[in-house]
Amino acid sequence: MDAAHELLWEHSYGSTSVDAICEKAGTKKGSFYHFFESKSELALAAIEDNWQANKRHFDTIFSPTVPPLARIENYLSSALRCQEGHKEQSGQILGCPLFSLGCEISTQDQVIREKVVAVLDQHVKYVESAIRDAHAAGLVHAPDPGQRARLFFMCFQGALTQARIQNSLTPLKDFRQNAMELLGAPVRPIEVAAK
């Protein structure tokens, strides 16, 4: 599943063969078909496995013990660090694996599309919880936190996609600088950690 996740994210669903997955995983094709009937079935399992691993990270970032706007800032900082790591390792900005896969496969495999939508909806719920708490604390004006979270997430996904297309961290950095304004919070400079 790790091999599938990496290959699908780095390349694409269409260009990633079962042979390539088996080679990266160091296993035989017969073993693959013992556990999975198809590449589609493996992709579904890889999406769920990756989400469960990320969920623990999200639970920490979006903990109710963290101030609500700090949750958003920590989320964006974590995404930026992830993309910086990929850029250093492979020379590529990879963007969001779910968004990339969803765009590619949405008209070809409805089961994968629905799984991607379901996991992305979970991301939005985390953001919504932070916005709801920020509104309750008077930090932002968002009487409909669900709608604001969806808007925020659409813009964030656009920034991640542009970062991948341009192979540049600039769209993510620009979004991070303007995210609080999008949420309706007072604008303040975001400190950039020294390297």
N, C-alpha and C. Protein backbone atom coordinates (compact mmCIF):
# COMPACT_ATOMS: atom_id res chain seq x y z
N MET A 1 0.83 -1.20 0.00
CA MET A 1 0.00 0.00 0.00
C MET A 1 0.87 1.26 0.00
N ASP A 2 1.97 1.21 0.76
CA ASP A 2 2.88 2.36 0.75
C ASP A 2 3.46 2.60 -0.64
N ALA A 3 3.85 1.50 -1.31
CA ALA A 3 4.40 1.62 -2.66
C ALA A 3 3.37 2.21 -3.61
N ALA A 4 2.13 1.74 -3.52
CA ALA A 4 1.06 2.26 -4.39
C ALA A 4 0.84 3.74 -4.11
N HIS A 5 0.75 4.10 -2.84
CA HIS A 5 0.52 5.51 -2.49
C HIS A 5 1.62 6.40 -3.06
N GLU A 6 2.85 5.99 -2.88
CA GLU A 6 3.97 6.81 -3.37
C GLU A 6 3.96 6.93 -4.89
N LEU A 7 3.77 5.82 -5.58
CA LEU A 7 3.80 5.86 -7.05
C LEU A 7 2.62 6.64 -7.63
N LEU A 8 1.44 6.44 -7.06
CA LEU A 8 0.27 7.16 -7.55
C LEU A 8 0.42 8.66 -7.33
N TRP A 9 1.04 9.03 -6.22
CA TRP A 9 1.21 10.44 -5.89
C TRP A 9 2.31 11.07 -6.75
N GLU A 10 3.42 10.36 -6.89
CA GLU A 10 4.55 10.90 -7.64
C GLU A 10 4.30 10.93 -9.14
N HIS A 11 3.53 9.97 -9.64
CA HIS A 11 3.30 9.87 -11.08
C HIS A 11 1.81 10.07 -11.37
N SER A 12 1.10 9.01 -11.61
CA SER A 12 -0.35 9.09 -11.81
C SER A 12 -0.92 7.69 -11.73
N TYR A 13 -2.23 7.63 -11.61
CA TYR A 13 -2.89 6.33 -11.57
C TYR A 13 -2.70 5.60 -12.89
N GLY A 14 -2.91 6.31 -13.98
CA GLY A 14 -2.84 5.70 -15.30
C GLY A 14 -1.46 5.19 -15.66
N SER A 15 -0.41 5.89 -15.21
CA SER A 15 0.94 5.49 -15.60
C SER A 15 1.59 4.53 -14.61
N THR A 16 0.89 4.22 -13.52
CA THR A 16 1.43 3.30 -12.52
C THR A 16 0.86 1.91 -12.75
N SER A 17 1.73 0.97 -13.12
CA SER A 17 1.28 -0.39 -13.39
C SER A 17 1.40 -1.26 -12.14
N VAL A 18 0.70 -2.38 -12.16
CA VAL A 18 0.82 -3.37 -11.08
C VAL A 18 2.26 -3.84 -10.99
N ASP A 19 2.91 -4.01 -12.13
CA ASP A 19 4.32 -4.43 -12.15
C ASP A 19 5.20 -3.42 -11.40
N ALA A 20 4.96 -2.13 -11.65
CA ALA A 20 5.77 -1.09 -10.99
C ALA A 20 5.53 -1.09 -9.49
N ILE A 21 4.28 -1.28 -9.09
CA ILE A 21 3.95 -1.34 -7.66
C ILE A 21 4.65 -2.53 -7.01
N CYS A 22 4.58 -3.69 -7.66
CA CYS A 22 5.23 -4.89 -7.12
C CYS A 22 6.74 -4.71 -7.03
N GLU A 23 7.32 -4.10 -8.05
CA GLU A 23 8.77 -3.88 -8.04
C GLU A 23 9.17 -2.97 -6.89
N LYS A 24 8.42 -1.87 -6.71
CA LYS A 24 8.74 -0.93 -5.62
C LYS A 24 8.53 -1.59 -4.26
N ALA A 25 7.52 -2.44 -4.15
CA ALA A 25 7.22 -3.09 -2.87
C ALA A 25 8.11 -4.30 -2.62
N GLY A 26 8.85 -4.73 -3.65
CA GLY A 26 9.72 -5.90 -3.50
C GLY A 26 8.94 -7.19 -3.35
N THR A 27 7.85 -7.30 -4.12
CA THR A 27 7.02 -8.51 -4.05
C THR A 27 6.70 -9.00 -5.44
N LYS A 28 6.17 -10.19 -5.52
CA LYS A 28 5.83 -10.80 -6.81
C LYS A 28 4.37 -10.47 -7.17
N LYS A 29 4.11 -10.50 -8.47
CA LYS A 29 2.77 -10.18 -8.95
C LYS A 29 1.72 -11.15 -8.40
N GLY A 30 2.12 -12.41 -8.23
CA GLY A 30 1.19 -13.39 -7.67
C GLY A 30 0.76 -13.02 -6.27
N SER A 31 1.69 -12.47 -5.49
CA SER A 31 1.36 -12.03 -4.13
C SER A 31 0.37 -10.87 -4.17
N PHE A 32 0.59 -9.97 -5.13
CA PHE A 32 -0.33 -8.84 -5.28
C PHE A 32 -1.76 -9.36 -5.47
N TYR A 33 -1.92 -10.28 -6.42
CA TYR A 33 -3.27 -10.74 -6.74
C TYR A 33 -3.83 -11.69 -5.68
N HIS A 34 -3.00 -12.13 -4.76
CA HIS A 34 -3.51 -12.91 -3.63
C HIS A 34 -4.31 -12.00 -2.68
N PHE A 35 -3.85 -10.73 -2.56
CA PHE A 35 -4.48 -9.79 -1.64
C PHE A 35 -5.45 -8.82 -2.31
N PHE A 36 -5.20 -8.49 -3.57
CA PHE A 36 -6.03 -7.50 -4.26
C PHE A 36 -6.44 -8.03 -5.63
N GLU A 37 -7.70 -7.79 -5.99
CA GLU A 37 -8.19 -8.24 -7.29
C GLU A 37 -7.74 -7.32 -8.42
N SER A 38 -7.44 -6.06 -8.08
CA SER A 38 -7.11 -5.09 -9.13
C SER A 38 -6.31 -3.93 -8.54
N LYS A 39 -5.77 -3.14 -9.43
CA LYS A 39 -5.08 -1.91 -9.02
C LYS A 39 -6.07 -0.97 -8.33
N SER A 40 -7.30 -0.95 -8.79
CA SER A 40 -8.33 -0.10 -8.20
C SER A 40 -8.57 -0.49 -6.74
N GLU A 41 -8.64 -1.78 -6.47
CA GLU A 41 -8.86 -2.24 -5.10
C GLU A 41 -7.67 -1.86 -4.20
N LEU A 42 -6.47 -1.99 -4.74
CA LEU A 42 -5.28 -1.58 -3.99
C LEU A 42 -5.31 -0.07 -3.73
N ALA A 43 -5.69 0.71 -4.73
CA ALA A 43 -5.74 2.17 -4.56
C ALA A 43 -6.70 2.53 -3.43
N LEU A 44 -7.86 1.88 -3.38
CA LEU A 44 -8.82 2.14 -2.30
C LEU A 44 -8.22 1.82 -0.94
N ALA A 45 -7.55 0.68 -0.85
CA ALA A 45 -6.92 0.29 0.42
C ALA A 45 -5.81 1.27 0.80
N ALA A 46 -5.04 1.73 -0.18
CA ALA A 46 -3.95 2.67 0.08
C ALA A 46 -4.50 4.02 0.55
N ILE A 47 -5.60 4.47 -0.05
CA ILE A 47 -6.22 5.72 0.37
C ILE A 47 -6.65 5.63 1.83
N GLU A 48 -7.32 4.54 2.18
CA GLU A 48 -7.80 4.37 3.56
C GLU A 48 -6.64 4.24 4.53
N ASP A 49 -5.62 3.47 4.17
CA ASP A 49 -4.46 3.29 5.04
C ASP A 49 -3.76 4.62 5.28
N ASN A 50 -3.58 5.40 4.22
CA ASN A 50 -2.93 6.69 4.34
C ASN A 50 -3.77 7.65 5.19
N TRP A 51 -5.09 7.60 5.00
CA TRP A 51 -5.97 8.48 5.79
C TRP A 51 -5.88 8.13 7.28
N GLN A 52 -5.87 6.84 7.60
CA GLN A 52 -5.79 6.46 9.01
C GLN A 52 -4.48 6.94 9.63
N ALA A 53 -3.39 6.88 8.88
CA ALA A 53 -2.11 7.39 9.38
C ALA A 53 -2.16 8.91 9.54
N ASN A 54 -2.73 9.61 8.58
CA ASN A 54 -2.83 11.06 8.65
C ASN A 54 -3.81 11.54 9.71
N LYS A 55 -4.82 10.73 9.99
CA LYS A 55 -5.84 11.12 10.95
C LYS A 55 -5.22 11.37 12.32
N ARG A 56 -4.27 10.56 12.72
CA ARG A 56 -3.60 10.77 14.01
C ARG A 56 -2.89 12.13 14.02
N HIS A 57 -2.28 12.47 12.90
CA HIS A 57 -1.61 13.76 12.78
C HIS A 57 -2.63 14.90 12.85
N PHE A 58 -3.76 14.74 12.17
CA PHE A 58 -4.81 15.75 12.19
C PHE A 58 -5.39 15.92 13.59
N ASP A 59 -5.56 14.80 14.31
CA ASP A 59 -6.09 14.88 15.67
C ASP A 59 -5.19 15.73 16.56
N THR A 60 -3.89 15.64 16.33
CA THR A 60 -2.94 16.45 17.10
C THR A 60 -3.01 17.92 16.68
N ILE A 61 -2.96 18.17 15.38
CA ILE A 61 -2.99 19.55 14.88
C ILE A 61 -4.28 20.26 15.30
N PHE A 62 -5.41 19.56 15.20
CA PHE A 62 -6.71 20.17 15.45
C PHE A 62 -7.24 19.88 16.85
N SER A 63 -6.36 19.56 17.77
CA SER A 63 -6.77 19.31 19.14
C SER A 63 -7.50 20.53 19.71
N PRO A 64 -8.62 20.30 20.40
CA PRO A 64 -9.33 21.43 21.02
C PRO A 64 -8.50 22.18 22.06
N THR A 65 -7.39 21.59 22.50
CA THR A 65 -6.52 22.28 23.46
C THR A 65 -5.65 23.35 22.78
N VAL A 66 -5.61 23.33 21.44
CA VAL A 66 -4.84 24.33 20.68
C VAL A 66 -5.79 25.46 20.29
N PRO A 67 -5.38 26.72 20.45
CA PRO A 67 -6.25 27.82 20.03
C PRO A 67 -6.70 27.64 18.58
N PRO A 68 -7.95 27.99 18.27
CA PRO A 68 -8.51 27.65 16.95
C PRO A 68 -7.74 28.18 15.75
N LEU A 69 -7.31 29.44 15.78
CA LEU A 69 -6.58 29.96 14.63
C LEU A 69 -5.18 29.37 14.54
N ALA A 70 -4.61 28.99 15.67
CA ALA A 70 -3.31 28.30 15.65
C ALA A 70 -3.45 26.94 15.00
N ARG A 71 -4.60 26.30 15.14
CA ARG A 71 -4.84 25.01 14.46
C ARG A 71 -4.73 25.18 12.95
N ILE A 72 -5.37 26.24 12.45
CA ILE A 72 -5.33 26.50 11.00
C ILE A 72 -3.90 26.79 10.57
N GLU A 73 -3.21 27.65 11.32
CA GLU A 73 -1.82 27.98 10.97
C GLU A 73 -0.92 26.74 11.03
N ASN A 74 -1.13 25.90 12.03
CA ASN A 74 -0.33 24.67 12.15
C ASN A 74 -0.62 23.72 10.99
N TYR A 75 -1.86 23.65 10.57
CA TYR A 75 -2.27 22.81 9.43
C TYR A 75 -1.56 23.27 8.16
N LEU A 76 -1.57 24.58 7.92
CA LEU A 76 -0.93 25.10 6.72
C LEU A 76 0.59 24.97 6.79
N SER A 77 1.14 25.18 7.97
CA SER A 77 2.59 25.01 8.15
C SER A 77 3.01 23.57 7.92
N SER A 78 2.20 22.63 8.40
CA SER A 78 2.49 21.21 8.21
C SER A 78 2.45 20.84 6.73
N ALA A 79 1.47 21.37 6.01
CA ALA A 79 1.37 21.10 4.56
C ALA A 79 2.58 21.68 3.83
N LEU A 80 2.99 22.87 4.23
CA LEU A 80 4.14 23.50 3.59
C LEU A 80 5.41 22.69 3.86
N ARG A 81 5.60 22.24 5.10
CA ARG A 81 6.78 21.42 5.43
C ARG A 81 6.78 20.11 4.64
N CYS A 82 5.61 19.51 4.48
CA CYS A 82 5.50 18.27 3.70
C CYS A 82 5.96 18.50 2.26
N GLN A 83 5.48 19.58 1.65
CA GLN A 83 5.85 19.87 0.27
C GLN A 83 7.32 20.25 0.15
N GLU A 84 7.84 20.97 1.15
CA GLU A 84 9.26 21.30 1.16
C GLU A 84 10.11 20.02 1.20
N GLY A 85 9.66 19.05 2.00
CA GLY A 85 10.37 17.78 2.10
C GLY A 85 10.41 17.05 0.77
N HIS A 86 9.28 17.03 0.07
CA HIS A 86 9.24 16.37 -1.24
C HIS A 86 10.12 17.11 -2.25
N LYS A 87 10.10 18.42 -2.18
CA LYS A 87 10.93 19.21 -3.10
C LYS A 87 12.42 18.91 -2.87
N GLU A 88 12.82 18.84 -1.61
CA GLU A 88 14.22 18.53 -1.30
C GLU A 88 14.59 17.11 -1.71
N GLN A 89 13.66 16.18 -1.52
CA GLN A 89 13.96 14.76 -1.79
C GLN A 89 13.93 14.43 -3.28
N SER A 90 12.92 14.92 -3.97
CA SER A 90 12.74 14.50 -5.36
C SER A 90 12.85 15.63 -6.38
N GLY A 91 12.90 16.87 -5.89
CA GLY A 91 12.93 18.00 -6.81
C GLY A 91 11.55 18.40 -7.30
N GLN A 92 10.51 17.75 -6.77
CA GLN A 92 9.14 18.00 -7.23
C GLN A 92 8.24 18.40 -6.07
N ILE A 93 7.32 19.32 -6.35
CA ILE A 93 6.21 19.62 -5.45
C ILE A 93 5.09 18.68 -5.89
N LEU A 94 4.57 17.89 -4.99
CA LEU A 94 3.59 16.86 -5.37
C LEU A 94 2.14 17.26 -5.12
N GLY A 95 1.90 18.33 -4.37
CA GLY A 95 0.53 18.73 -4.08
C GLY A 95 -0.17 17.70 -3.22
N CYS A 96 -1.47 17.66 -3.31
CA CYS A 96 -2.29 16.74 -2.51
C CYS A 96 -2.50 15.44 -3.28
N PRO A 97 -2.15 14.30 -2.69
CA PRO A 97 -2.33 13.04 -3.41
C PRO A 97 -3.79 12.74 -3.74
N LEU A 98 -4.68 13.10 -2.83
CA LEU A 98 -6.10 12.83 -3.07
C LEU A 98 -6.66 13.70 -4.18
N PHE A 99 -6.26 14.95 -4.19
CA PHE A 99 -6.78 15.85 -5.22
C PHE A 99 -6.24 15.46 -6.59
N SER A 100 -4.96 15.10 -6.63
CA SER A 100 -4.37 14.66 -7.90
C SER A 100 -5.07 13.40 -8.42
N LEU A 101 -5.23 12.42 -7.54
CA LEU A 101 -5.90 11.17 -7.93
C LEU A 101 -7.35 11.42 -8.30
N GLY A 102 -8.03 12.24 -7.49
CA GLY A 102 -9.44 12.53 -7.76
C GLY A 102 -9.65 13.19 -9.11
N CYS A 103 -8.79 14.15 -9.45
CA CYS A 103 -8.91 14.82 -10.75
C CYS A 103 -8.71 13.85 -11.90
N GLU A 104 -7.73 12.96 -11.73
CA GLU A 104 -7.41 12.04 -12.82
C GLU A 104 -8.49 10.97 -13.02
N ILE A 105 -9.01 10.45 -11.94
CA ILE A 105 -9.82 9.22 -12.01
C ILE A 105 -11.32 9.47 -11.92
N SER A 106 -11.73 10.72 -11.64
CA SER A 106 -13.13 10.99 -11.31
C SER A 106 -14.14 10.55 -12.37
N THR A 107 -13.76 10.56 -13.64
CA THR A 107 -14.70 10.14 -14.69
C THR A 107 -14.50 8.67 -15.09
N GLN A 108 -13.54 7.99 -14.46
CA GLN A 108 -13.21 6.62 -14.86
C GLN A 108 -13.57 5.57 -13.83
N ASP A 109 -13.48 5.93 -12.54
CA ASP A 109 -13.71 4.94 -11.47
C ASP A 109 -14.49 5.63 -10.36
N GLN A 110 -15.80 5.38 -10.34
CA GLN A 110 -16.67 6.05 -9.37
C GLN A 110 -16.39 5.63 -7.94
N VAL A 111 -15.95 4.41 -7.73
CA VAL A 111 -15.67 3.94 -6.38
C VAL A 111 -14.48 4.69 -5.79
N ILE A 112 -13.42 4.85 -6.57
CA ILE A 112 -12.27 5.62 -6.10
C ILE A 112 -12.67 7.08 -5.91
N ARG A 113 -13.44 7.63 -6.86
CA ARG A 113 -13.88 9.02 -6.74
C ARG A 113 -14.64 9.24 -5.43
N GLU A 114 -15.56 8.34 -5.12
CA GLU A 114 -16.35 8.47 -3.90
C GLU A 114 -15.47 8.36 -2.65
N LYS A 115 -14.46 7.50 -2.69
CA LYS A 115 -13.55 7.37 -1.55
C LYS A 115 -12.75 8.65 -1.36
N VAL A 116 -12.27 9.22 -2.46
CA VAL A 116 -11.52 10.47 -2.38
C VAL A 116 -12.40 11.57 -1.80
N VAL A 117 -13.63 11.68 -2.27
CA VAL A 117 -14.57 12.70 -1.77
C VAL A 117 -14.79 12.51 -0.27
N ALA A 118 -14.98 11.27 0.15
CA ALA A 118 -15.24 10.99 1.57
C ALA A 118 -14.06 11.41 2.45
N VAL A 119 -12.85 11.12 2.01
CA VAL A 119 -11.68 11.48 2.81
C VAL A 119 -11.47 13.00 2.80
N LEU A 120 -11.65 13.63 1.66
CA LEU A 120 -11.52 15.09 1.61
C LEU A 120 -12.56 15.76 2.51
N ASP A 121 -13.75 15.18 2.58
CA ASP A 121 -14.78 15.71 3.47
C ASP A 121 -14.33 15.66 4.93
N GLN A 122 -13.57 14.65 5.28
CA GLN A 122 -13.03 14.56 6.65
C GLN A 122 -12.05 15.70 6.92
N HIS A 123 -11.23 16.02 5.92
CA HIS A 123 -10.31 17.16 6.05
C HIS A 123 -11.11 18.43 6.35
N VAL A 124 -12.18 18.63 5.59
CA VAL A 124 -13.00 19.83 5.75
C VAL A 124 -13.60 19.89 7.15
N LYS A 125 -14.00 18.75 7.70
CA LYS A 125 -14.61 18.74 9.03
C LYS A 125 -13.61 19.20 10.10
N TYR A 126 -12.35 18.84 9.94
CA TYR A 126 -11.34 19.32 10.89
C TYR A 126 -11.25 20.85 10.81
N VAL A 127 -11.17 21.37 9.60
CA VAL A 127 -11.07 22.82 9.41
C VAL A 127 -12.33 23.49 9.96
N GLU A 128 -13.48 22.89 9.69
CA GLU A 128 -14.75 23.45 10.18
C GLU A 128 -14.76 23.56 11.70
N SER A 129 -14.23 22.54 12.39
CA SER A 129 -14.23 22.59 13.86
C SER A 129 -13.40 23.76 14.37
N ALA A 130 -12.28 24.04 13.72
CA ALA A 130 -11.45 25.18 14.13
C ALA A 130 -12.15 26.50 13.85
N ILE A 131 -12.80 26.59 12.70
CA ILE A 131 -13.51 27.83 12.35
C ILE A 131 -14.69 28.04 13.29
N ARG A 132 -15.41 26.98 13.62
CA ARG A 132 -16.53 27.09 14.55
C ARG A 132 -16.06 27.63 15.90
N ASP A 133 -14.94 27.07 16.40
CA ASP A 133 -14.41 27.51 17.69
C ASP A 133 -13.89 28.95 17.61
N ALA A 134 -13.29 29.30 16.48
CA ALA A 134 -12.79 30.68 16.30
C ALA A 134 -13.95 31.66 16.27
N HIS A 135 -15.05 31.28 15.62
CA HIS A 135 -16.23 32.15 15.57
C HIS A 135 -16.82 32.30 16.98
N ALA A 136 -16.92 31.20 17.71
CA ALA A 136 -17.47 31.24 19.07
C ALA A 136 -16.62 32.12 19.98
N ALA A 137 -15.32 32.16 19.74
CA ALA A 137 -14.41 32.98 20.56
C ALA A 137 -14.32 34.42 20.07
N GLY A 138 -15.05 34.75 18.98
CA GLY A 138 -15.03 36.11 18.45
C GLY A 138 -13.78 36.45 17.67
N LEU A 139 -13.05 35.42 17.24
CA LEU A 139 -11.80 35.66 16.50
C LEU A 139 -12.04 35.85 15.01
N VAL A 140 -13.12 35.28 14.50
CA VAL A 140 -13.52 35.44 13.10
C VAL A 140 -15.03 35.60 13.05
N HIS A 141 -15.52 36.13 11.95
CA HIS A 141 -16.97 36.18 11.75
C HIS A 141 -17.32 35.11 10.72
N ALA A 142 -17.83 33.98 11.22
CA ALA A 142 -18.19 32.86 10.34
C ALA A 142 -19.43 32.17 10.89
N PRO A 143 -20.61 32.81 10.74
CA PRO A 143 -21.83 32.22 11.28
C PRO A 143 -22.19 30.88 10.65
N ASP A 144 -21.66 30.60 9.46
CA ASP A 144 -21.84 29.29 8.82
C ASP A 144 -20.45 28.67 8.66
N PRO A 145 -19.92 28.03 9.72
CA PRO A 145 -18.55 27.52 9.66
C PRO A 145 -18.36 26.43 8.61
N GLY A 146 -19.40 25.68 8.31
CA GLY A 146 -19.28 24.64 7.29
C GLY A 146 -19.03 25.24 5.91
N GLN A 147 -19.79 26.29 5.59
CA GLN A 147 -19.61 26.96 4.30
C GLN A 147 -18.24 27.61 4.23
N ARG A 148 -17.80 28.25 5.31
CA ARG A 148 -16.50 28.91 5.33
C ARG A 148 -15.37 27.88 5.21
N ALA A 149 -15.54 26.73 5.86
CA ALA A 149 -14.52 25.68 5.79
C ALA A 149 -14.41 25.14 4.37
N ARG A 150 -15.54 24.95 3.69
CA ARG A 150 -15.51 24.46 2.31
C ARG A 150 -14.81 25.46 1.40
N LEU A 151 -15.12 26.75 1.57
CA LEU A 151 -14.46 27.79 0.78
C LEU A 151 -12.96 27.80 1.05
N PHE A 152 -12.58 27.76 2.31
CA PHE A 152 -11.17 27.74 2.69
C PHE A 152 -10.47 26.55 2.06
N PHE A 153 -11.11 25.38 2.14
CA PHE A 153 -10.47 24.17 1.64
C PHE A 153 -10.36 24.18 0.12
N MET A 154 -11.36 24.73 -0.56
CA MET A 154 -11.26 24.85 -2.02
C MET A 154 -10.07 25.72 -2.41
N CYS A 155 -9.90 26.83 -1.71
CA CYS A 155 -8.76 27.72 -2.00
C CYS A 155 -7.44 27.04 -1.68
N PHE A 156 -7.41 26.31 -0.57
CA PHE A 156 -6.20 25.59 -0.18
C PHE A 156 -5.84 24.53 -1.22
N GLN A 157 -6.84 23.79 -1.70
CA GLN A 157 -6.59 22.79 -2.73
C GLN A 157 -6.11 23.44 -4.02
N GLY A 158 -6.65 24.60 -4.33
CA GLY A 158 -6.17 25.32 -5.51
C GLY A 158 -4.71 25.71 -5.37
N ALA A 159 -4.32 26.14 -4.17
CA ALA A 159 -2.93 26.51 -3.93
C ALA A 159 -2.02 25.29 -4.04
N LEU A 160 -2.46 24.15 -3.48
CA LEU A 160 -1.67 22.92 -3.58
C LEU A 160 -1.53 22.48 -5.04
N THR A 161 -2.61 22.59 -5.79
CA THR A 161 -2.58 22.18 -7.20
C THR A 161 -1.67 23.10 -8.00
N GLN A 162 -1.77 24.41 -7.77
CA GLN A 162 -0.90 25.35 -8.47
C GLN A 162 0.57 25.11 -8.09
N ALA A 163 0.81 24.78 -6.82
CA ALA A 163 2.19 24.49 -6.40
C ALA A 163 2.74 23.30 -7.18
N ARG A 164 1.90 22.28 -7.38
CA ARG A 164 2.34 21.10 -8.15
C ARG A 164 2.58 21.47 -9.62
N ILE A 165 1.64 22.18 -10.20
CA ILE A 165 1.75 22.56 -11.61
C ILE A 165 2.99 23.42 -11.85
N GLN A 166 3.22 24.38 -10.97
CA GLN A 166 4.34 25.30 -11.14
C GLN A 166 5.65 24.74 -10.59
N ASN A 167 5.54 23.62 -9.84
CA ASN A 167 6.68 23.05 -9.12
C ASN A 167 7.36 24.14 -8.29
N SER A 168 6.51 24.83 -7.54
CA SER A 168 6.97 25.97 -6.74
C SER A 168 6.19 26.01 -5.43
N LEU A 169 6.86 26.40 -4.37
CA LEU A 169 6.21 26.56 -3.07
C LEU A 169 5.48 27.89 -2.96
N THR A 170 5.67 28.78 -3.91
CA THR A 170 5.11 30.13 -3.83
C THR A 170 3.59 30.14 -3.65
N PRO A 171 2.80 29.36 -4.41
CA PRO A 171 1.35 29.40 -4.18
C PRO A 171 0.95 29.01 -2.76
N LEU A 172 1.64 28.05 -2.18
CA LEU A 172 1.34 27.66 -0.80
C LEU A 172 1.73 28.74 0.18
N LYS A 173 2.87 29.35 -0.03
CA LYS A 173 3.31 30.44 0.85
C LYS A 173 2.36 31.63 0.74
N ASP A 174 1.94 31.95 -0.47
CA ASP A 174 0.99 33.04 -0.67
C ASP A 174 -0.34 32.75 0.02
N PHE A 175 -0.81 31.52 -0.12
CA PHE A 175 -2.08 31.16 0.53
C PHE A 175 -1.94 31.26 2.05
N ARG A 176 -0.84 30.75 2.57
CA ARG A 176 -0.61 30.79 4.01
C ARG A 176 -0.62 32.23 4.52
N GLN A 177 -0.04 33.13 3.75
CA GLN A 177 0.00 34.54 4.15
C GLN A 177 -1.39 35.17 4.18
N ASN A 178 -2.30 34.68 3.32
CA ASN A 178 -3.62 35.30 3.18
C ASN A 178 -4.75 34.49 3.79
N ALA A 179 -4.45 33.34 4.38
CA ALA A 179 -5.49 32.45 4.88
C ALA A 179 -6.33 33.09 5.98
N MET A 180 -5.69 33.80 6.89
CA MET A 180 -6.44 34.40 7.99
C MET A 180 -7.40 35.47 7.49
N GLU A 181 -6.97 36.20 6.47
CA GLU A 181 -7.86 37.21 5.87
C GLU A 181 -9.07 36.52 5.24
N LEU A 182 -8.85 35.40 4.58
CA LEU A 182 -9.94 34.64 3.98
C LEU A 182 -10.93 34.19 5.05
N LEU A 183 -10.43 33.86 6.22
CA LEU A 183 -11.29 33.43 7.32
C LEU A 183 -11.98 34.59 8.03
N GLY A 184 -11.55 35.81 7.73
CA GLY A 184 -12.14 36.96 8.37
C GLY A 184 -11.46 37.35 9.67
N ALA A 185 -10.25 36.85 9.87
CA ALA A 185 -9.49 37.19 11.06
C ALA A 185 -8.67 38.45 10.80
N PRO A 186 -8.30 39.17 11.85
CA PRO A 186 -7.43 40.33 11.66
C PRO A 186 -6.13 39.90 11.00
N VAL A 187 -5.66 40.69 10.06
CA VAL A 187 -4.45 40.36 9.33
C VAL A 187 -3.24 40.69 10.20
N ARG A 188 -2.33 39.74 10.30
CA ARG A 188 -1.07 39.97 11.00
C ARG A 188 0.00 39.19 10.27
N PRO A 189 1.23 39.68 10.30
CA PRO A 189 2.30 38.97 9.59
C PRO A 189 2.53 37.59 10.20
N ILE A 190 2.79 36.63 9.34
CA ILE A 190 3.13 35.28 9.79
C ILE A 190 4.63 35.14 9.76
N GLU A 191 5.19 34.76 10.90
CA GLU A 191 6.63 34.61 10.98
C GLU A 191 7.07 33.36 10.24
N VAL A 192 8.14 33.50 9.49
CA VAL A 192 8.71 32.37 8.77
C VAL A 192 9.88 31.86 9.58
N ALA A 193 9.86 30.56 9.89
CA ALA A 193 10.92 29.97 10.70
C ALA A 193 12.24 30.01 9.94
N ALA A 194 13.31 30.34 10.64
CA ALA A 194 14.64 30.36 10.02
C ALA A 194 15.10 28.94 9.78
N LYS A 195 15.81 28.74 8.67
CA LYS A 195 16.32 27.40 8.35
C LYS A 195 17.72 27.25 8.88
